[in-house]
N, C-alpha and C. Protein backbone atom coordinates (compact mmCIF):
# COMPACT_ATOMS: atom_id res chain seq x y z
N MET A 1 91.11 -163.98 30.20
CA MET A 1 91.65 -163.72 28.87
C MET A 1 92.45 -162.42 28.92
N THR A 2 93.61 -162.45 28.31
CA THR A 2 94.49 -161.29 28.29
C THR A 2 94.79 -160.93 26.84
N THR A 3 94.82 -159.65 26.56
CA THR A 3 95.14 -159.20 25.21
C THR A 3 96.64 -159.29 24.99
N ASP A 4 97.07 -159.08 23.76
CA ASP A 4 98.50 -159.10 23.46
C ASP A 4 99.22 -157.93 24.12
N LYS A 5 98.49 -156.98 24.64
CA LYS A 5 99.10 -155.85 25.34
C LYS A 5 99.13 -156.09 26.85
N GLY A 6 98.73 -157.30 27.30
CA GLY A 6 98.79 -157.65 28.71
C GLY A 6 97.64 -157.12 29.54
N ILE A 7 96.58 -156.69 28.90
CA ILE A 7 95.43 -156.14 29.62
C ILE A 7 94.29 -157.14 29.50
N SER A 8 93.67 -157.49 30.62
CA SER A 8 92.62 -158.51 30.58
C SER A 8 91.31 -157.94 30.05
N SER A 9 90.47 -158.84 29.53
CA SER A 9 89.16 -158.41 29.05
C SER A 9 88.31 -157.92 30.21
N THR A 10 88.57 -158.43 31.42
CA THR A 10 87.86 -157.94 32.60
C THR A 10 88.19 -156.48 32.84
N ASP A 11 89.46 -156.11 32.68
CA ASP A 11 89.86 -154.71 32.82
C ASP A 11 89.16 -153.85 31.78
N ARG A 12 89.07 -154.37 30.57
CA ARG A 12 88.40 -153.64 29.50
C ARG A 12 86.95 -153.34 29.88
N ILE A 13 86.24 -154.36 30.35
CA ILE A 13 84.83 -154.20 30.69
C ILE A 13 84.68 -153.24 31.87
N LYS A 14 85.56 -153.30 32.83
CA LYS A 14 85.51 -152.36 33.96
C LYS A 14 85.68 -150.92 33.47
N LEU A 15 86.59 -150.70 32.54
CA LEU A 15 86.81 -149.36 31.99
C LEU A 15 85.59 -148.88 31.20
N VAL A 16 85.03 -149.77 30.38
CA VAL A 16 83.85 -149.40 29.59
C VAL A 16 82.68 -149.09 30.53
N GLN A 17 82.49 -149.93 31.55
CA GLN A 17 81.40 -149.69 32.50
C GLN A 17 81.58 -148.35 33.20
N ALA A 18 82.82 -148.01 33.54
CA ALA A 18 83.09 -146.70 34.15
C ALA A 18 82.72 -145.57 33.19
N CYS A 19 82.99 -145.75 31.90
CA CYS A 19 82.67 -144.72 30.91
C CYS A 19 81.16 -144.49 30.78
N ILE A 20 80.39 -145.52 31.04
CA ILE A 20 78.93 -145.39 30.95
C ILE A 20 78.42 -144.31 31.90
N GLU A 21 79.12 -144.10 32.99
CA GLU A 21 78.72 -143.08 33.97
C GLU A 21 79.17 -141.68 33.58
N LEU A 22 79.89 -141.54 32.49
CA LEU A 22 80.44 -140.26 32.01
C LEU A 22 81.13 -139.49 33.14
N PRO A 23 82.21 -140.10 33.67
CA PRO A 23 82.95 -139.44 34.74
C PRO A 23 83.79 -138.27 34.21
N SER A 24 84.33 -137.51 35.12
CA SER A 24 85.14 -136.35 34.72
C SER A 24 86.40 -136.77 33.95
N ASP A 25 86.88 -138.00 34.17
CA ASP A 25 88.06 -138.48 33.46
C ASP A 25 87.70 -139.35 32.25
N PHE A 26 86.53 -139.11 31.68
CA PHE A 26 86.02 -139.88 30.54
C PHE A 26 87.04 -139.95 29.40
N ASP A 27 87.64 -138.83 29.03
CA ASP A 27 88.59 -138.82 27.91
C ASP A 27 89.80 -139.71 28.19
N GLU A 28 90.29 -139.70 29.40
CA GLU A 28 91.42 -140.56 29.77
C GLU A 28 91.01 -142.04 29.73
N LEU A 29 89.84 -142.35 30.24
CA LEU A 29 89.35 -143.74 30.19
C LEU A 29 89.21 -144.20 28.74
N ARG A 30 88.71 -143.32 27.90
CA ARG A 30 88.55 -143.64 26.48
C ARG A 30 89.90 -143.95 25.84
N ARG A 31 90.92 -143.20 26.20
CA ARG A 31 92.27 -143.46 25.66
C ARG A 31 92.77 -144.83 26.12
N GLN A 32 92.50 -145.17 27.37
CA GLN A 32 92.92 -146.49 27.87
C GLN A 32 92.19 -147.61 27.14
N ILE A 33 90.92 -147.42 26.89
CA ILE A 33 90.13 -148.44 26.20
C ILE A 33 90.59 -148.60 24.76
N ALA A 34 91.04 -147.52 24.15
CA ALA A 34 91.50 -147.57 22.75
C ALA A 34 92.66 -148.55 22.59
N LYS A 35 93.40 -148.81 23.65
CA LYS A 35 94.52 -149.76 23.60
C LYS A 35 94.05 -151.17 23.28
N PHE A 36 92.78 -151.46 23.54
CA PHE A 36 92.24 -152.79 23.29
C PHE A 36 91.88 -153.03 21.84
N GLY A 37 91.73 -151.99 21.06
CA GLY A 37 91.22 -152.14 19.71
C GLY A 37 89.70 -152.13 19.74
N TRP A 38 89.09 -152.13 18.56
CA TRP A 38 87.64 -151.98 18.47
C TRP A 38 86.90 -153.30 18.69
N ASP A 39 87.35 -154.37 18.05
CA ASP A 39 86.63 -155.64 18.09
C ASP A 39 86.72 -156.30 19.47
N TYR A 40 85.62 -156.97 19.83
CA TYR A 40 85.55 -157.68 21.11
C TYR A 40 84.68 -158.90 20.92
N ASP A 41 85.19 -160.06 21.31
CA ASP A 41 84.42 -161.28 21.16
C ASP A 41 84.18 -161.97 22.49
N GLY A 42 84.36 -161.25 23.58
CA GLY A 42 84.13 -161.82 24.91
C GLY A 42 82.66 -161.98 25.22
N HIS A 43 82.39 -162.78 26.21
CA HIS A 43 81.01 -163.04 26.61
C HIS A 43 80.50 -162.04 27.64
N ILE A 44 81.40 -161.52 28.45
CA ILE A 44 81.01 -160.54 29.47
C ILE A 44 81.03 -159.16 28.83
N LYS A 45 79.96 -158.41 29.07
CA LYS A 45 79.86 -157.08 28.48
C LYS A 45 79.48 -156.06 29.56
N ALA A 46 79.85 -154.82 29.32
CA ALA A 46 79.34 -153.73 30.15
C ALA A 46 77.87 -153.55 29.77
N VAL A 47 77.07 -153.09 30.71
CA VAL A 47 75.63 -152.96 30.46
C VAL A 47 75.20 -151.50 30.62
N LEU A 48 74.56 -150.99 29.58
CA LEU A 48 73.97 -149.66 29.62
C LEU A 48 72.49 -149.84 29.96
N SER A 49 72.06 -149.22 31.05
CA SER A 49 70.67 -149.34 31.48
C SER A 49 69.90 -148.05 31.20
N ARG A 50 68.59 -148.16 31.27
CA ARG A 50 67.76 -146.96 31.14
C ARG A 50 68.13 -145.98 32.25
N ALA A 51 68.37 -146.48 33.45
CA ALA A 51 68.73 -145.60 34.57
C ALA A 51 70.01 -144.83 34.28
N ASP A 52 70.98 -145.46 33.59
CA ASP A 52 72.22 -144.77 33.22
C ASP A 52 71.92 -143.58 32.31
N VAL A 53 71.08 -143.80 31.31
CA VAL A 53 70.75 -142.73 30.36
C VAL A 53 69.94 -141.64 31.03
N VAL A 54 69.02 -142.04 31.91
CA VAL A 54 68.24 -141.05 32.66
C VAL A 54 69.18 -140.15 33.46
N THR A 55 70.15 -140.74 34.13
CA THR A 55 71.12 -139.96 34.92
C THR A 55 71.88 -138.98 34.05
N ILE A 56 72.33 -139.42 32.87
CA ILE A 56 73.07 -138.54 31.96
C ILE A 56 72.18 -137.39 31.50
N LEU A 57 70.94 -137.69 31.11
CA LEU A 57 70.04 -136.63 30.64
C LEU A 57 69.68 -135.66 31.77
N GLN A 58 69.53 -136.16 32.98
CA GLN A 58 69.26 -135.28 34.12
C GLN A 58 70.45 -134.37 34.39
N ARG A 59 71.65 -134.89 34.24
CA ARG A 59 72.85 -134.05 34.40
C ARG A 59 72.87 -132.95 33.33
N TYR A 60 72.45 -133.28 32.13
CA TYR A 60 72.36 -132.30 31.04
C TYR A 60 71.35 -131.21 31.40
N LEU A 61 70.18 -131.62 31.88
CA LEU A 61 69.13 -130.65 32.22
C LEU A 61 69.56 -129.73 33.37
N LYS A 62 70.46 -130.21 34.22
CA LYS A 62 70.99 -129.39 35.32
C LYS A 62 72.23 -128.59 34.89
N SER A 63 72.58 -128.65 33.61
CA SER A 63 73.75 -127.97 33.05
C SER A 63 75.07 -128.45 33.65
N GLU A 64 75.09 -129.69 34.12
CA GLU A 64 76.33 -130.27 34.65
C GLU A 64 77.24 -130.76 33.52
N ILE A 65 76.63 -131.12 32.40
CA ILE A 65 77.37 -131.55 31.21
C ILE A 65 76.72 -130.92 29.99
N GLY A 66 77.50 -130.79 28.94
CA GLY A 66 77.01 -130.11 27.74
C GLY A 66 76.78 -131.03 26.56
N ASN A 67 76.33 -130.46 25.48
CA ASN A 67 76.01 -131.21 24.27
C ASN A 67 77.19 -132.02 23.74
N LYS A 68 78.36 -131.39 23.69
CA LYS A 68 79.53 -132.07 23.14
C LYS A 68 79.91 -133.28 23.99
N GLN A 69 79.84 -133.14 25.30
CA GLN A 69 80.15 -134.27 26.18
C GLN A 69 79.18 -135.42 25.94
N ILE A 70 77.90 -135.11 25.81
CA ILE A 70 76.90 -136.15 25.58
C ILE A 70 77.10 -136.78 24.20
N GLU A 71 77.38 -135.97 23.21
CA GLU A 71 77.63 -136.52 21.87
C GLU A 71 78.83 -137.46 21.89
N ASP A 72 79.92 -137.05 22.52
CA ASP A 72 81.12 -137.89 22.60
C ASP A 72 80.81 -139.19 23.35
N TRP A 73 80.06 -139.08 24.44
CA TRP A 73 79.68 -140.25 25.25
C TRP A 73 78.85 -141.23 24.43
N ALA A 74 77.82 -140.72 23.77
CA ALA A 74 76.94 -141.57 22.98
C ALA A 74 77.68 -142.17 21.78
N ASP A 75 78.54 -141.37 21.16
CA ASP A 75 79.34 -141.86 20.05
C ASP A 75 80.26 -142.99 20.50
N PHE A 76 80.81 -142.86 21.69
CA PHE A 76 81.66 -143.91 22.26
C PHE A 76 80.86 -145.21 22.44
N LEU A 77 79.61 -145.10 22.87
CA LEU A 77 78.80 -146.28 23.17
C LEU A 77 78.16 -146.92 21.95
N GLU A 78 77.85 -146.11 20.95
CA GLU A 78 77.09 -146.60 19.80
C GLU A 78 77.87 -147.67 19.03
N GLY A 79 77.26 -148.82 18.87
CA GLY A 79 77.83 -149.89 18.06
C GLY A 79 78.97 -150.67 18.68
N ARG A 80 79.21 -150.51 19.97
CA ARG A 80 80.31 -151.23 20.62
C ARG A 80 79.95 -152.70 20.82
N ASP A 81 80.90 -153.59 20.55
CA ASP A 81 80.71 -155.02 20.79
C ASP A 81 80.77 -155.37 22.27
N ASP A 82 81.37 -154.50 23.06
CA ASP A 82 81.56 -154.81 24.49
C ASP A 82 80.52 -154.12 25.38
N VAL A 83 79.45 -153.61 24.78
CA VAL A 83 78.36 -152.98 25.54
C VAL A 83 77.04 -153.66 25.15
N ALA A 84 76.30 -154.07 26.15
CA ALA A 84 74.95 -154.60 25.95
C ALA A 84 73.97 -153.58 26.51
N PHE A 85 72.80 -153.53 25.92
CA PHE A 85 71.75 -152.66 26.44
C PHE A 85 70.85 -153.48 27.35
N GLU A 86 70.30 -152.81 28.34
CA GLU A 86 69.42 -153.44 29.32
C GLU A 86 68.37 -154.32 28.63
N ASN A 87 68.20 -155.53 29.16
CA ASN A 87 67.20 -156.44 28.61
C ASN A 87 65.82 -155.80 28.63
N GLY A 88 65.12 -155.90 27.52
CA GLY A 88 63.79 -155.34 27.42
C GLY A 88 63.75 -153.88 27.02
N ALA A 89 64.91 -153.23 27.02
CA ALA A 89 64.96 -151.80 26.68
C ALA A 89 65.92 -151.54 25.52
N GLU A 90 66.30 -152.60 24.83
CA GLU A 90 67.30 -152.46 23.77
C GLU A 90 66.87 -151.47 22.69
N ALA A 91 65.64 -151.54 22.26
CA ALA A 91 65.18 -150.68 21.15
C ALA A 91 65.22 -149.20 21.52
N ILE A 92 64.67 -148.86 22.67
CA ILE A 92 64.63 -147.44 23.07
C ILE A 92 66.04 -146.93 23.37
N LEU A 93 66.88 -147.75 24.00
CA LEU A 93 68.25 -147.31 24.29
C LEU A 93 69.04 -147.14 22.99
N ASN A 94 68.87 -148.04 22.06
CA ASN A 94 69.54 -147.92 20.76
C ASN A 94 69.11 -146.63 20.06
N GLU A 95 67.82 -146.35 20.10
CA GLU A 95 67.30 -145.12 19.47
C GLU A 95 67.88 -143.87 20.13
N VAL A 96 67.85 -143.82 21.45
CA VAL A 96 68.34 -142.65 22.18
C VAL A 96 69.83 -142.45 21.95
N ILE A 97 70.61 -143.52 22.05
CA ILE A 97 72.05 -143.40 21.84
C ILE A 97 72.33 -142.93 20.41
N HIS A 98 71.61 -143.44 19.44
CA HIS A 98 71.80 -143.01 18.05
C HIS A 98 71.51 -141.51 17.90
N VAL A 99 70.42 -141.05 18.46
CA VAL A 99 70.06 -139.63 18.36
C VAL A 99 71.12 -138.76 19.04
N LEU A 100 71.57 -139.18 20.21
CA LEU A 100 72.57 -138.39 20.95
C LEU A 100 73.92 -138.40 20.25
N ALA A 101 74.27 -139.50 19.60
CA ALA A 101 75.57 -139.61 18.94
C ALA A 101 75.62 -138.92 17.58
N ASN A 102 74.45 -138.61 17.03
CA ASN A 102 74.38 -138.06 15.67
C ASN A 102 73.51 -136.81 15.63
N PRO A 103 73.92 -135.75 16.31
CA PRO A 103 73.07 -134.56 16.39
C PRO A 103 72.81 -133.90 15.04
N ILE A 104 73.72 -134.02 14.11
CA ILE A 104 73.51 -133.40 12.80
C ILE A 104 72.36 -134.10 12.06
N LEU A 105 72.25 -135.39 12.25
CA LEU A 105 71.20 -136.15 11.57
C LEU A 105 69.82 -135.93 12.18
N ASP A 106 69.80 -135.72 13.48
CA ASP A 106 68.52 -135.69 14.19
C ASP A 106 68.17 -134.35 14.82
N GLY A 107 68.85 -133.29 14.45
CA GLY A 107 68.48 -131.97 14.92
C GLY A 107 69.14 -131.52 16.21
N GLY A 108 69.91 -132.36 16.84
CA GLY A 108 70.64 -131.97 18.04
C GLY A 108 69.84 -132.07 19.33
N LEU A 109 70.57 -132.10 20.40
CA LEU A 109 69.98 -132.20 21.73
C LEU A 109 69.63 -130.81 22.25
N THR A 110 68.41 -130.67 22.68
CA THR A 110 67.94 -129.44 23.32
C THR A 110 67.31 -129.85 24.65
N LEU A 111 66.98 -128.88 25.46
CA LEU A 111 66.31 -129.18 26.72
C LEU A 111 65.00 -129.92 26.46
N GLU A 112 64.27 -129.48 25.45
CA GLU A 112 62.99 -130.12 25.12
C GLU A 112 63.19 -131.56 24.66
N VAL A 113 64.16 -131.78 23.80
CA VAL A 113 64.45 -133.14 23.33
C VAL A 113 64.85 -134.03 24.49
N ALA A 114 65.67 -133.52 25.39
CA ALA A 114 66.09 -134.30 26.57
C ALA A 114 64.88 -134.69 27.42
N LYS A 115 63.96 -133.76 27.60
CA LYS A 115 62.76 -134.04 28.39
C LYS A 115 61.90 -135.12 27.71
N ILE A 116 61.77 -135.04 26.40
CA ILE A 116 61.01 -136.05 25.66
C ILE A 116 61.67 -137.41 25.79
N MET A 117 62.98 -137.45 25.67
CA MET A 117 63.70 -138.71 25.82
C MET A 117 63.47 -139.30 27.22
N LEU A 118 63.51 -138.44 28.22
CA LEU A 118 63.29 -138.92 29.58
C LEU A 118 61.92 -139.56 29.74
N THR A 119 60.90 -138.96 29.15
CA THR A 119 59.56 -139.55 29.28
C THR A 119 59.48 -140.90 28.58
N LYS A 120 60.27 -141.08 27.53
CA LYS A 120 60.27 -142.35 26.80
C LYS A 120 60.98 -143.47 27.57
N ILE A 121 62.00 -143.11 28.35
CA ILE A 121 62.85 -144.16 28.92
C ILE A 121 62.83 -144.26 30.44
N GLU A 122 62.24 -143.29 31.12
CA GLU A 122 62.31 -143.34 32.58
C GLU A 122 61.77 -144.63 33.14
N VAL A 123 62.49 -145.11 34.14
CA VAL A 123 62.14 -146.37 34.80
C VAL A 123 61.23 -146.14 35.98
């Protein structure tokens, strides 16, 4: 399937999956994905796993990434039609992504909060 902009849905999913890893070029990937529009009705989805979130939180605890980067990352993932959460872990991943994407609502990410999240989701 190809969009009206000539970009396949497979390309879209590859870009979204790359964003899940929060690479250094995350902002550029996000701009590329924006070309697709928000809605997605494809069957193939990028998958966010508990291991992905553990890796992101561990990077935070090592000061490799900061609060704003995590907020932007989680905000990007929250509510996307082209992202599925790991089978059996949907509830905890949804909760964690919501908390990370909405720091004003939930008090923000701290080292302590990150550690608590890790204990809840570690595989």
